[in-house]
Amino acid sequence: MALILVLRALGLGDLLTAVPALRALRRARPEERVVLAAPAGLADVVGLVDAVDELLPTAGLGALDWSGPPPCLAVNLHGAGPQSIADLLAQRPGRLLTHQHPAYPDVPGLGWRQDLHEIDRWCRLIEYGRFPADRTDFALPPPSMPSPAPGAVVVHPGAAYAARRWPPERYAKVATALFTSQNQVVVTGSESERDLATAVADAAGLPDSAVLAGKTGLGELAALVAGASLVVCGDTGVGHLATAFGTPSVLLFGPTPPKLWGPPPGDPRHVTLWAGDVGDPHSDQPDSGLLLLSEHQVLIAAERLLEKSHAE
């Protein structure tokens, strides 16, 4: 069977924003096997993407290890290159679909643009390859496993970089208000974020059982978000899970604007808060624009979404 090899060896949010592009490939080539090179830790969510037949565990660039036959098509959904291009060329594909890079002047590709939403970026590349893409085709079915806290409000204070982390004491104040209003509130995060989650829960007066950081695998976290009444978090993979499952969310953006990484504009289930400042997303300090967002703004948005959800 002919196969398509797709490289997207990045994080959870990166995977979820590539779903419309992956589905475009599936619709165009339903008879071919789609192999996605992505981190092994994403397996539980990759399993929800009906456009992927096989996950090839790939930790990052330079780690692509495909032992099968050369793919008829290799698709670079990882970045602009050059290393991602080199990784795919090494697999001797019949055709490579990628963006242009000056290090590979003989490899045709689409021009890179910085001003695109991440979903649009990869759909444009797929369309450059003459495969029609639907930018709204990002929804995922909920996991089959049960939620560890059905109907809870999920507060996720962590983020990959400090620039995107709203202060924990502010998350705690929001969590306190929501908990006082008779909502079950849980605090999530990775194992390395357990201390952060515990600090938020303690300051909010939540019970020890509310701290789920480090206690859920990705599949359980996905089930938690899918079954939640609300998600409150920054610009993170958990926010993208809420978008994929249609779970109401309040998303705190900064320093990257929501027009590049946020949910589709106009969807009333998701409220994006952004002060308008653009900064360094990899900074080791919280973004100054993010710090302009107040607990009151977040709480008002959260309460409105919960009221609407309870009324339906």
Protein backbone atom coordinates (compact mmCIF):
# COMPACT_ATOMS: atom_id res chain seq x y z
CA MET A 1 0.00 0.00 0.00
CA ALA A 2 1.26 3.48 -0.87
CA LEU A 3 1.80 5.74 2.09
CA ILE A 4 1.99 9.40 3.04
CA LEU A 5 4.56 10.39 5.67
CA VAL A 6 3.71 13.56 7.61
CA LEU A 7 6.18 15.28 9.95
CA ARG A 8 4.75 17.23 12.91
CA ALA A 9 7.11 16.35 15.78
CA LEU A 10 5.89 19.08 18.11
CA GLY A 11 3.43 19.50 20.99
CA LEU A 12 -0.26 18.96 21.67
CA GLY A 13 -1.48 22.31 20.35
CA ASP A 14 0.63 21.85 17.23
CA LEU A 15 -0.99 18.49 16.59
CA LEU A 16 -4.51 19.83 17.04
CA THR A 17 -3.98 22.77 14.69
CA ALA A 18 -2.80 20.34 12.01
CA VAL A 19 -5.99 18.23 12.09
CA PRO A 20 -7.73 20.03 9.18
CA ALA A 21 -4.63 19.55 7.00
CA LEU A 22 -4.39 15.88 7.94
CA ARG A 23 -8.05 15.34 7.12
CA ALA A 24 -7.59 17.06 3.77
CA LEU A 25 -4.91 14.52 2.91
CA ARG A 26 -7.17 11.67 3.98
CA ARG A 27 -10.06 12.89 1.84
CA ALA A 28 -7.82 13.37 -1.18
CA ARG A 29 -5.98 10.06 -0.83
CA PRO A 30 -8.36 7.69 1.03
CA GLU A 31 -6.62 4.59 -0.32
CA GLU A 32 -3.17 5.54 1.04
CA ARG A 33 -1.81 4.95 4.52
CA VAL A 34 -1.07 8.10 6.51
CA VAL A 35 1.85 7.85 8.93
CA LEU A 36 2.33 10.78 11.32
CA ALA A 37 5.81 11.38 12.76
CA ALA A 38 5.09 12.97 16.15
CA PRO A 39 6.06 12.47 19.82
CA ALA A 40 5.02 9.16 21.35
CA GLY A 41 3.39 10.98 24.26
CA LEU A 42 0.67 12.27 21.94
CA ALA A 43 -0.57 8.75 21.09
CA ASP A 44 -3.86 9.00 22.98
CA VAL A 45 -4.90 12.12 21.08
CA VAL A 46 -3.46 10.99 17.74
CA GLY A 47 -5.78 8.00 18.14
CA LEU A 48 -8.75 10.38 18.02
CA VAL A 49 -7.68 11.82 14.67
CA ASP A 50 -9.47 9.74 12.06
CA ALA A 51 -7.03 10.89 9.36
CA VAL A 52 -3.99 9.09 10.82
CA ASP A 53 -3.38 5.36 10.40
CA GLU A 54 -0.10 5.08 12.29
CA LEU A 55 1.95 7.13 14.73
CA LEU A 56 5.69 7.02 14.10
CA PRO A 57 7.23 8.05 17.47
CA THR A 58 9.48 11.02 16.71
CA ALA A 59 10.82 13.19 19.52
CA GLY A 60 11.79 16.13 17.33
CA LEU A 61 13.94 17.18 14.42
CA GLY A 62 16.77 14.82 13.59
CA ALA A 63 14.90 11.92 15.19
CA LEU A 64 12.84 10.70 12.24
CA ASP A 65 13.45 6.96 11.90
CA TRP A 66 11.29 5.43 9.17
CA SER A 67 12.27 1.89 8.19
CA GLY A 68 9.48 1.26 5.73
CA PRO A 69 9.42 1.83 1.97
CA PRO A 70 9.89 5.35 0.63
CA PRO A 71 6.65 7.31 0.92
CA CYS A 72 4.88 8.35 -2.25
CA LEU A 73 4.34 11.72 -0.56
CA ALA A 74 6.11 13.38 2.36
CA VAL A 75 4.43 16.40 3.94
CA ASN A 76 6.29 18.89 6.09
CA LEU A 77 3.81 20.18 8.67
CA HIS A 78 6.65 20.82 11.11
CA GLY A 79 8.01 24.17 9.98
CA ALA A 80 9.82 26.11 7.27
CA GLY A 81 13.04 24.08 7.42
CA PRO A 82 15.82 23.49 6.79
CA GLN A 83 16.19 20.51 9.15
CA SER A 84 12.59 19.36 8.74
CA ILE A 85 13.13 19.35 4.96
CA ALA A 86 16.34 17.38 5.38
CA ASP A 87 14.60 14.84 7.63
CA LEU A 88 11.94 14.17 4.99
CA LEU A 89 14.28 14.18 1.99
CA ALA A 90 16.28 11.47 3.76
CA GLN A 91 13.24 9.18 3.42
CA ARG A 92 13.50 9.43 -0.40
CA PRO A 93 9.86 10.42 -1.00
CA GLY A 94 8.32 10.37 -4.43
CA ARG A 95 7.15 13.92 -3.77
CA LEU A 96 7.81 16.43 -1.00
CA LEU A 97 5.21 19.03 -0.01
CA THR A 98 6.87 21.78 2.01
CA HIS A 99 7.49 25.49 2.37
CA GLN A 100 10.45 27.04 0.58
CA HIS A 101 13.81 27.40 2.27
CA PRO A 102 16.94 29.05 0.80
CA ALA A 103 19.06 26.11 1.95
CA TYR A 104 17.17 23.98 -0.59
CA PRO A 105 16.80 26.19 -3.68
CA ASP A 106 16.01 23.21 -5.91
CA VAL A 107 13.11 22.02 -3.73
CA PRO A 108 9.87 23.72 -4.77
CA GLY A 109 7.70 25.02 -1.99
CA LEU A 110 5.22 27.57 -0.75
CA GLY A 111 6.43 30.90 0.56
CA TRP A 112 6.39 31.18 4.36
CA ARG A 113 4.18 33.83 5.98
CA GLN A 114 4.37 34.92 9.62
CA ASP A 115 0.90 36.50 9.78
CA LEU A 116 -1.24 33.36 9.43
CA HIS A 117 -3.28 31.42 11.93
CA GLU A 118 -1.61 28.06 12.49
CA ILE A 119 -4.57 26.16 11.03
CA ASP A 120 -4.55 28.38 7.95
CA ARG A 121 -0.78 27.98 7.52
CA TRP A 122 -0.99 24.23 7.06
CA CYS A 123 -4.22 24.25 5.09
CA ARG A 124 -2.58 26.67 2.64
CA LEU A 125 0.33 24.27 2.24
CA ILE A 126 -2.04 21.39 1.58
CA GLU A 127 -3.91 23.51 -0.97
CA TYR A 128 -0.58 24.41 -2.58
CA GLY A 129 -0.26 20.66 -3.11
CA ARG A 130 -3.68 20.72 -4.81
CA PHE A 131 -5.59 19.07 -1.99
CA PRO A 132 -8.77 20.97 -0.96
CA ALA A 133 -8.79 21.79 2.76
CA ASP A 134 -11.55 22.71 5.21
CA ARG A 135 -10.26 25.03 7.94
CA THR A 136 -13.29 24.31 10.14
CA ASP A 137 -12.66 20.55 10.21
CA PHE A 138 -10.82 20.44 13.56
CA ALA A 139 -13.36 18.87 15.95
CA LEU A 140 -12.45 15.61 17.68
CA PRO A 141 -14.72 12.95 19.20
CA PRO A 142 -14.42 12.61 22.98
CA PRO A 143 -12.18 9.81 24.27
CA SER A 144 -13.85 6.54 25.17
CA MET A 145 -12.41 6.61 28.70
CA PRO A 146 -14.48 8.34 31.40
CA SER A 147 -13.60 11.75 32.76
CA PRO A 148 -11.92 11.73 36.19
CA ALA A 149 -14.13 14.72 37.16
CA PRO A 150 -17.24 14.99 34.96
CA GLY A 151 -18.66 18.49 34.70
CA ALA A 152 -15.79 20.15 36.56
CA VAL A 153 -14.26 23.53 35.86
CA VAL A 154 -10.70 22.89 34.71
CA VAL A 155 -8.10 25.47 35.71
CA HIS A 156 -4.78 24.94 33.94
CA PRO A 157 -2.19 27.49 35.17
CA GLY A 158 0.88 26.15 33.41
CA ALA A 159 2.39 26.82 29.99
CA ALA A 160 5.54 25.77 28.18
CA TYR A 161 7.15 29.20 28.62
CA ALA A 162 6.92 31.73 31.42
CA ALA A 163 5.85 34.40 28.91
CA ARG A 164 2.47 32.65 28.62
CA ARG A 165 1.89 31.99 32.34
CA TRP A 166 -0.63 34.21 34.05
CA PRO A 167 0.34 34.60 37.74
CA PRO A 168 -0.76 31.65 39.93
CA GLU A 169 -2.25 33.92 42.58
CA ARG A 170 -4.63 35.29 39.94
CA TYR A 171 -5.68 31.82 38.87
CA ALA A 172 -6.27 31.08 42.56
CA LYS A 173 -8.62 34.05 42.97
CA VAL A 174 -10.64 32.96 39.95
CA ALA A 175 -10.74 29.38 41.24
CA THR A 176 -11.88 30.57 44.68
CA ALA A 177 -14.79 32.52 43.21
CA LEU A 178 -15.89 29.64 40.99
CA PHE A 179 -15.58 27.12 43.83
CA THR A 180 -17.56 29.39 46.15
CA SER A 181 -20.30 29.45 43.51
CA GLN A 182 -20.75 25.69 43.95
CA ASN A 183 -18.68 24.58 40.98
CA GLN A 184 -16.34 21.62 41.21
CA VAL A 185 -12.92 23.01 40.34
CA VAL A 186 -9.85 20.95 39.47
CA VAL A 187 -6.31 22.13 38.72
CA THR A 188 -4.36 20.34 36.02
CA GLY A 189 -0.80 20.23 34.78
CA SER A 190 2.12 17.93 34.08
CA GLU A 191 4.18 16.15 36.72
CA SER A 192 6.66 19.04 36.64
CA GLU A 193 3.78 21.48 37.27
CA ARG A 194 2.41 19.71 40.33
CA ASP A 195 3.89 22.27 42.74
CA LEU A 196 2.34 25.08 40.69
CA ALA A 197 -1.05 23.38 40.66
CA THR A 198 -0.85 22.65 44.39
CA ALA A 199 -0.01 26.28 45.13
CA VAL A 200 -3.03 27.44 43.11
CA ALA A 201 -5.34 24.93 44.80
CA ASP A 202 -4.09 25.75 48.30
CA ALA A 203 -4.46 29.49 47.76
CA ALA A 204 -7.96 28.91 46.38
CA GLY A 205 -9.03 26.79 49.34
CA LEU A 206 -9.65 23.73 47.19
CA PRO A 207 -9.43 20.19 48.62
CA ASP A 208 -6.33 18.11 47.97
CA SER A 209 -8.36 15.95 45.58
CA ALA A 210 -8.73 18.96 43.27
CA VAL A 211 -5.07 18.75 42.24
CA LEU A 212 -4.89 16.49 39.18
CA ALA A 213 -1.50 17.72 37.95
CA GLY A 214 0.81 14.77 37.40
CA LYS A 215 -2.03 12.32 38.06
CA THR A 216 -3.53 12.08 34.58
CA GLY A 217 -2.08 10.80 31.36
CA LEU A 218 -2.88 12.64 28.16
CA GLY A 219 -5.87 10.39 27.47
CA GLU A 220 -7.38 11.11 30.90
CA LEU A 221 -6.66 14.82 30.51
CA ALA A 222 -8.42 14.79 27.14
CA ALA A 223 -11.42 13.01 28.68
CA LEU A 224 -11.43 15.55 31.52
CA VAL A 225 -11.49 18.49 29.10
CA ALA A 226 -14.09 16.85 26.86
CA GLY A 227 -16.42 16.37 29.83
CA ALA A 228 -15.71 19.68 31.59
CA SER A 229 -18.20 22.50 32.05
CA LEU A 230 -15.46 25.08 31.47
CA VAL A 231 -11.72 25.38 30.88
CA VAL A 232 -9.68 28.37 32.07
CA CYS A 233 -6.11 28.50 30.82
CA GLY A 234 -3.52 30.38 28.80
CA ASP A 235 -2.32 29.82 25.26
CA THR A 236 -1.65 26.10 25.72
CA GLY A 237 -2.45 22.66 24.36
CA VAL A 238 -5.25 22.32 26.91
CA GLY A 239 -6.93 25.34 25.32
CA HIS A 240 -6.69 23.64 21.93
CA LEU A 241 -8.28 20.52 23.44
CA ALA A 242 -11.21 22.65 24.60
CA THR A 243 -11.59 24.00 21.07
CA ALA A 244 -11.39 20.51 19.55
CA PHE A 245 -14.05 19.13 21.91
CA GLY A 246 -16.28 22.22 21.87
CA THR A 247 -15.86 22.68 25.62
CA PRO A 248 -16.52 26.28 26.77
CA SER A 249 -13.26 28.05 27.53
CA VAL A 250 -11.75 31.30 28.73
CA LEU A 251 -8.35 31.62 27.10
CA LEU A 252 -5.76 34.15 28.25
CA PHE A 253 -3.51 35.26 25.41
CA GLY A 254 -0.18 37.03 25.52
CA PRO A 255 2.32 37.62 24.10
CA THR A 256 1.00 35.85 20.96
CA PRO A 257 -2.32 37.18 19.62
CA PRO A 258 -5.31 34.84 19.38
CA LYS A 259 -5.60 35.54 15.64
CA LEU A 260 -2.52 33.30 15.23
CA TRP A 261 -3.27 30.49 17.70
CA GLY A 262 -6.74 31.02 19.12
CA PRO A 263 -10.07 29.30 18.45
CA PRO A 264 -12.11 30.35 15.41
CA PRO A 265 -13.44 33.88 15.85
CA GLY A 266 -17.15 34.16 16.48
CA ASP A 267 -17.60 30.86 18.33
CA PRO A 268 -19.58 31.83 21.46
CA ARG A 269 -18.25 28.83 23.39
CA HIS A 270 -14.79 30.37 23.61
CA VAL A 271 -13.75 33.73 25.02
CA THR A 272 -10.26 34.95 24.21
CA LEU A 273 -8.79 37.70 26.38
CA TRP A 274 -5.86 39.65 25.00
CA ALA A 275 -4.55 43.09 25.91
CA GLY A 276 -3.26 43.76 22.40
CA ASP A 277 0.48 43.62 23.13
CA VAL A 278 2.81 41.36 21.11
CA GLY A 279 6.04 40.13 22.67
CA ASP A 280 8.54 37.29 22.87
CA PRO A 281 6.65 34.00 23.39
CA HIS A 282 9.82 32.31 24.66
CA SER A 283 10.67 34.86 27.33
CA ASP A 284 11.43 33.68 30.87
CA GLN A 285 9.17 36.40 32.30
CA PRO A 286 5.38 36.74 32.10
CA ASP A 287 4.36 38.91 29.17
CA SER A 288 3.51 42.49 30.18
CA GLY A 289 0.34 42.36 28.09
CA LEU A 290 -0.77 39.14 29.75
CA LEU A 291 -0.32 40.82 33.13
CA LEU A 292 -2.82 43.48 32.07
CA LEU A 293 -5.58 40.88 32.17
CA SER A 294 -7.39 41.07 35.51
CA GLU A 295 -9.06 38.43 37.65
CA HIS A 296 -12.32 40.34 37.22
CA GLN A 297 -12.18 40.06 33.42
CA VAL A 298 -11.53 36.34 33.59
CA LEU A 299 -14.19 35.70 36.20
CA ILE A 300 -16.88 37.66 34.34
CA ALA A 301 -16.18 35.70 31.16
CA ALA A 302 -16.17 32.39 33.06
CA GLU A 303 -19.44 33.09 34.86
CA ARG A 304 -21.20 34.08 31.64
CA LEU A 305 -20.13 30.88 29.90
CA LEU A 306 -21.20 28.76 32.87
CA GLU A 307 -24.58 30.49 33.06
CA LYS A 308 -25.13 29.90 29.37
CA SER A 309 -24.06 26.26 29.67
CA HIS A 310 -26.37 25.62 32.62
CA ALA A 311 -29.29 27.24 30.81
CA GLU A 312 -28.99 24.95 27.78
